[in-house]
Amino acid sequence: MERLDVRKHTKKYMDLAKRASSGLYPNKKVAKIGSTIGMGLGGILICIGIYGIIQSTVFGMGSLIAGAATCLSNGYNLKRIKCKN
């Protein structure tokens, strides 16, 4: 079994984090598709949340908050990707 060199391991993942923050990883096409799917799932969660609030169920408010956070996050990511073009 190969020994783990902590410095190399840390450097590898720090470089990966830098590329991700600059928009180089994953490529823009993959990031755009992922954010679009995330926006769709966020919309579904918002609809489930509204339905849950109307029915006075426990999951309604949680689903609504989760859906809103998902949409905001993915919307911000899409805006960031478009600005980098």
N, C-alpha and C. Protein backbone atom coordinates (compact mmCIF):
# COMPACT_ATOMS: atom_id res chain seq x y z
N MET A 1 0.85 -1.18 0.00
CA MET A 1 0.00 0.00 0.00
C MET A 1 0.89 1.24 0.00
N GLU A 2 0.51 2.20 -0.81
CA GLU A 2 1.29 3.43 -0.93
C GLU A 2 1.02 4.35 0.25
N ARG A 3 2.09 4.96 0.74
CA ARG A 3 1.94 5.89 1.85
C ARG A 3 1.37 7.21 1.34
N LEU A 4 0.58 7.83 2.15
CA LEU A 4 -0.04 9.10 1.80
C LEU A 4 0.89 10.25 2.17
N ASP A 5 1.24 11.05 1.17
CA ASP A 5 2.02 12.26 1.43
C ASP A 5 1.01 13.39 1.63
N VAL A 6 0.91 13.86 2.84
CA VAL A 6 -0.11 14.84 3.20
C VAL A 6 0.08 16.14 2.43
N ARG A 7 1.31 16.57 2.23
CA ARG A 7 1.55 17.83 1.51
C ARG A 7 1.07 17.74 0.06
N LYS A 8 1.39 16.63 -0.61
CA LYS A 8 0.95 16.47 -2.00
C LYS A 8 -0.58 16.40 -2.08
N HIS A 9 -1.14 15.66 -1.15
CA HIS A 9 -2.59 15.51 -1.12
C HIS A 9 -3.27 16.87 -0.91
N THR A 10 -2.79 17.63 0.05
CA THR A 10 -3.36 18.95 0.34
C THR A 10 -3.19 19.89 -0.84
N LYS A 11 -2.00 19.88 -1.45
CA LYS A 11 -1.75 20.75 -2.60
C LYS A 11 -2.66 20.40 -3.77
N LYS A 12 -2.86 19.12 -4.01
CA LYS A 12 -3.73 18.67 -5.10
C LYS A 12 -5.14 19.23 -4.93
N TYR A 13 -5.69 19.12 -3.73
CA TYR A 13 -7.07 19.55 -3.52
C TYR A 13 -7.18 21.07 -3.35
N MET A 14 -6.14 21.73 -2.94
CA MET A 14 -6.16 23.19 -2.92
C MET A 14 -6.16 23.73 -4.35
N ASP A 15 -5.37 23.10 -5.24
CA ASP A 15 -5.37 23.49 -6.65
C ASP A 15 -6.74 23.26 -7.28
N LEU A 16 -7.37 22.14 -6.94
CA LEU A 16 -8.70 21.84 -7.44
C LEU A 16 -9.71 22.90 -6.97
N ALA A 17 -9.61 23.32 -5.72
CA ALA A 17 -10.51 24.33 -5.18
C ALA A 17 -10.29 25.68 -5.88
N LYS A 18 -9.04 26.01 -6.18
CA LYS A 18 -8.75 27.26 -6.88
C LYS A 18 -9.32 27.24 -8.29
N ARG A 19 -9.19 26.10 -8.98
CA ARG A 19 -9.74 26.00 -10.33
C ARG A 19 -11.26 26.08 -10.30
N ALA A 20 -11.87 25.47 -9.30
CA ALA A 20 -13.33 25.51 -9.20
C ALA A 20 -13.82 26.93 -8.93
N SER A 21 -13.12 27.68 -8.09
CA SER A 21 -13.56 29.03 -7.78
C SER A 21 -13.36 29.99 -8.94
N SER A 22 -12.39 29.70 -9.80
CA SER A 22 -12.16 30.57 -10.95
C SER A 22 -13.03 30.19 -12.14
N GLY A 23 -13.77 29.10 -12.05
CA GLY A 23 -14.67 28.69 -13.12
C GLY A 23 -14.04 27.78 -14.15
N LEU A 24 -12.86 27.25 -13.87
CA LEU A 24 -12.19 26.37 -14.82
C LEU A 24 -12.54 24.90 -14.62
N TYR A 25 -13.10 24.53 -13.48
CA TYR A 25 -13.43 23.14 -13.20
C TYR A 25 -14.75 23.09 -12.48
N PRO A 26 -15.73 22.38 -12.82
CA PRO A 26 -15.85 21.68 -14.09
C PRO A 26 -16.01 22.70 -15.21
N ASN A 27 -15.95 22.24 -16.43
CA ASN A 27 -16.03 23.21 -17.52
C ASN A 27 -17.39 23.90 -17.50
N LYS A 28 -17.49 25.01 -18.20
CA LYS A 28 -18.67 25.86 -18.11
C LYS A 28 -19.94 25.15 -18.59
N LYS A 29 -19.80 24.29 -19.57
CA LYS A 29 -20.98 23.59 -20.09
C LYS A 29 -21.57 22.66 -19.02
N VAL A 30 -20.71 21.91 -18.35
CA VAL A 30 -21.17 21.00 -17.30
C VAL A 30 -21.75 21.79 -16.13
N ALA A 31 -21.10 22.88 -15.75
CA ALA A 31 -21.59 23.69 -14.63
C ALA A 31 -22.94 24.32 -14.96
N LYS A 32 -23.12 24.75 -16.21
CA LYS A 32 -24.40 25.34 -16.62
C LYS A 32 -25.52 24.30 -16.59
N ILE A 33 -25.25 23.10 -17.08
CA ILE A 33 -26.25 22.03 -17.06
C ILE A 33 -26.61 21.67 -15.61
N GLY A 34 -25.60 21.56 -14.76
CA GLY A 34 -25.86 21.23 -13.35
C GLY A 34 -26.67 22.29 -12.65
N SER A 35 -26.37 23.56 -12.92
CA SER A 35 -27.13 24.63 -12.29
C SER A 35 -28.56 24.70 -12.82
N THR A 36 -28.74 24.39 -14.09
CA THR A 36 -30.09 24.38 -14.66
C THR A 36 -30.93 23.27 -14.03
N ILE A 37 -30.33 22.10 -13.87
CA ILE A 37 -31.04 20.99 -13.21
C ILE A 37 -31.34 21.36 -11.76
N GLY A 38 -30.39 21.99 -11.10
CA GLY A 38 -30.60 22.44 -9.72
C GLY A 38 -31.73 23.44 -9.60
N MET A 39 -31.84 24.35 -10.57
CA MET A 39 -32.95 25.31 -10.56
C MET A 39 -34.29 24.58 -10.71
N GLY A 40 -34.31 23.57 -11.56
CA GLY A 40 -35.54 22.79 -11.73
C GLY A 40 -35.94 22.07 -10.45
N LEU A 41 -34.95 21.46 -9.80
CA LEU A 41 -35.25 20.78 -8.53
C LEU A 41 -35.68 21.76 -7.45
N GLY A 42 -35.07 22.94 -7.45
CA GLY A 42 -35.48 23.97 -6.51
C GLY A 42 -36.92 24.40 -6.74
N GLY A 43 -37.31 24.53 -8.00
CA GLY A 43 -38.69 24.87 -8.33
C GLY A 43 -39.66 23.81 -7.86
N ILE A 44 -39.27 22.55 -8.03
CA ILE A 44 -40.12 21.45 -7.57
C ILE A 44 -40.26 21.51 -6.05
N LEU A 45 -39.17 21.78 -5.34
CA LEU A 45 -39.24 21.88 -3.88
C LEU A 45 -40.12 23.05 -3.44
N ILE A 46 -40.07 24.15 -4.17
CA ILE A 46 -40.93 25.29 -3.84
C ILE A 46 -42.40 24.90 -4.02
N CYS A 47 -42.71 24.21 -5.12
CA CYS A 47 -44.09 23.78 -5.35
C CYS A 47 -44.55 22.81 -4.25
N ILE A 48 -43.69 21.89 -3.86
CA ILE A 48 -44.03 20.96 -2.78
C ILE A 48 -44.23 21.72 -1.47
N GLY A 49 -43.39 22.72 -1.24
CA GLY A 49 -43.52 23.53 -0.03
C GLY A 49 -44.83 24.30 0.01
N ILE A 50 -45.22 24.89 -1.12
CA ILE A 50 -46.50 25.62 -1.17
C ILE A 50 -47.66 24.66 -0.93
N TYR A 51 -47.61 23.49 -1.57
CA TYR A 51 -48.64 22.48 -1.36
C TYR A 51 -48.69 22.06 0.11
N GLY A 52 -47.52 21.86 0.71
CA GLY A 52 -47.47 21.45 2.11
C GLY A 52 -48.01 22.51 3.05
N ILE A 53 -47.74 23.78 2.75
CA ILE A 53 -48.27 24.86 3.59
C ILE A 53 -49.79 24.93 3.46
N ILE A 54 -50.30 24.76 2.24
CA ILE A 54 -51.75 24.78 2.03
C ILE A 54 -52.42 23.64 2.80
N GLN A 55 -51.77 22.46 2.82
CA GLN A 55 -52.33 21.29 3.51
C GLN A 55 -52.01 21.29 5.00
N SER A 56 -51.28 22.28 5.49
CA SER A 56 -50.87 22.39 6.90
C SER A 56 -50.07 21.18 7.37
N THR A 57 -49.12 20.75 6.54
CA THR A 57 -48.26 19.63 6.93
C THR A 57 -46.93 20.16 7.47
N VAL A 58 -46.21 19.27 8.11
CA VAL A 58 -44.96 19.64 8.75
C VAL A 58 -43.88 19.99 7.73
N PHE A 59 -43.84 19.29 6.61
CA PHE A 59 -42.74 19.45 5.66
C PHE A 59 -42.87 20.70 4.78
N GLY A 60 -43.98 21.39 4.82
CA GLY A 60 -44.24 22.50 3.91
C GLY A 60 -43.21 23.61 4.00
N MET A 61 -43.01 24.14 5.19
CA MET A 61 -42.08 25.27 5.35
C MET A 61 -40.65 24.85 5.06
N GLY A 62 -40.26 23.67 5.48
CA GLY A 62 -38.90 23.19 5.22
C GLY A 62 -38.63 23.02 3.74
N SER A 63 -39.59 22.48 3.02
CA SER A 63 -39.44 22.31 1.57
C SER A 63 -39.37 23.66 0.87
N LEU A 64 -40.17 24.59 1.32
CA LEU A 64 -40.17 25.92 0.73
C LEU A 64 -38.82 26.61 0.94
N ILE A 65 -38.28 26.52 2.14
CA ILE A 65 -36.98 27.14 2.44
C ILE A 65 -35.87 26.45 1.65
N ALA A 66 -35.90 25.12 1.60
CA ALA A 66 -34.87 24.39 0.85
C ALA A 66 -34.93 24.72 -0.64
N GLY A 67 -36.13 24.82 -1.19
CA GLY A 67 -36.29 25.15 -2.60
C GLY A 67 -35.81 26.55 -2.91
N ALA A 68 -36.12 27.50 -2.03
CA ALA A 68 -35.67 28.88 -2.25
C ALA A 68 -34.15 28.97 -2.18
N ALA A 69 -33.55 28.29 -1.21
CA ALA A 69 -32.08 28.31 -1.10
C ALA A 69 -31.43 27.67 -2.31
N THR A 70 -32.02 26.59 -2.80
CA THR A 70 -31.48 25.91 -3.98
C THR A 70 -31.56 26.80 -5.21
N CYS A 71 -32.70 27.45 -5.40
CA CYS A 71 -32.86 28.34 -6.55
C CYS A 71 -31.91 29.53 -6.47
N LEU A 72 -31.77 30.12 -5.29
CA LEU A 72 -30.86 31.25 -5.15
C LEU A 72 -29.41 30.85 -5.43
N SER A 73 -29.01 29.72 -4.89
CA SER A 73 -27.64 29.25 -5.08
C SER A 73 -27.34 28.95 -6.55
N ASN A 74 -28.22 28.23 -7.20
CA ASN A 74 -28.01 27.88 -8.60
C ASN A 74 -28.15 29.10 -9.51
N GLY A 75 -29.04 30.01 -9.17
CA GLY A 75 -29.18 31.24 -9.94
C GLY A 75 -27.92 32.08 -9.86
N TYR A 76 -27.35 32.18 -8.67
CA TYR A 76 -26.09 32.91 -8.50
C TYR A 76 -24.98 32.25 -9.31
N ASN A 77 -24.93 30.92 -9.30
CA ASN A 77 -23.89 30.21 -10.05
C ASN A 77 -24.05 30.43 -11.55
N LEU A 78 -25.28 30.41 -12.06
CA LEU A 78 -25.51 30.67 -13.48
C LEU A 78 -25.08 32.09 -13.85
N LYS A 79 -25.39 33.05 -12.98
CA LYS A 79 -24.99 34.44 -13.23
C LYS A 79 -23.46 34.56 -13.24
N ARG A 80 -22.81 33.85 -12.31
CA ARG A 80 -21.34 33.88 -12.24
C ARG A 80 -20.72 33.28 -13.49
N ILE A 81 -21.31 32.20 -13.99
CA ILE A 81 -20.79 31.55 -15.20
C ILE A 81 -20.94 32.48 -16.40
N LYS A 82 -22.09 33.16 -16.53
CA LYS A 82 -22.31 34.06 -17.66
C LYS A 82 -21.39 35.26 -17.62
N CYS A 83 -21.07 35.75 -16.40
CA CYS A 83 -20.18 36.90 -16.28
C CYS A 83 -18.75 36.55 -16.66
N LYS A 84 -18.35 35.29 -16.50
CA LYS A 84 -16.99 34.88 -16.81
C LYS A 84 -16.77 34.71 -18.31
N ASN A 85 -17.85 34.65 -19.10
CA ASN A 85 -17.72 34.47 -20.56
C ASN A 85 -17.18 35.69 -21.20
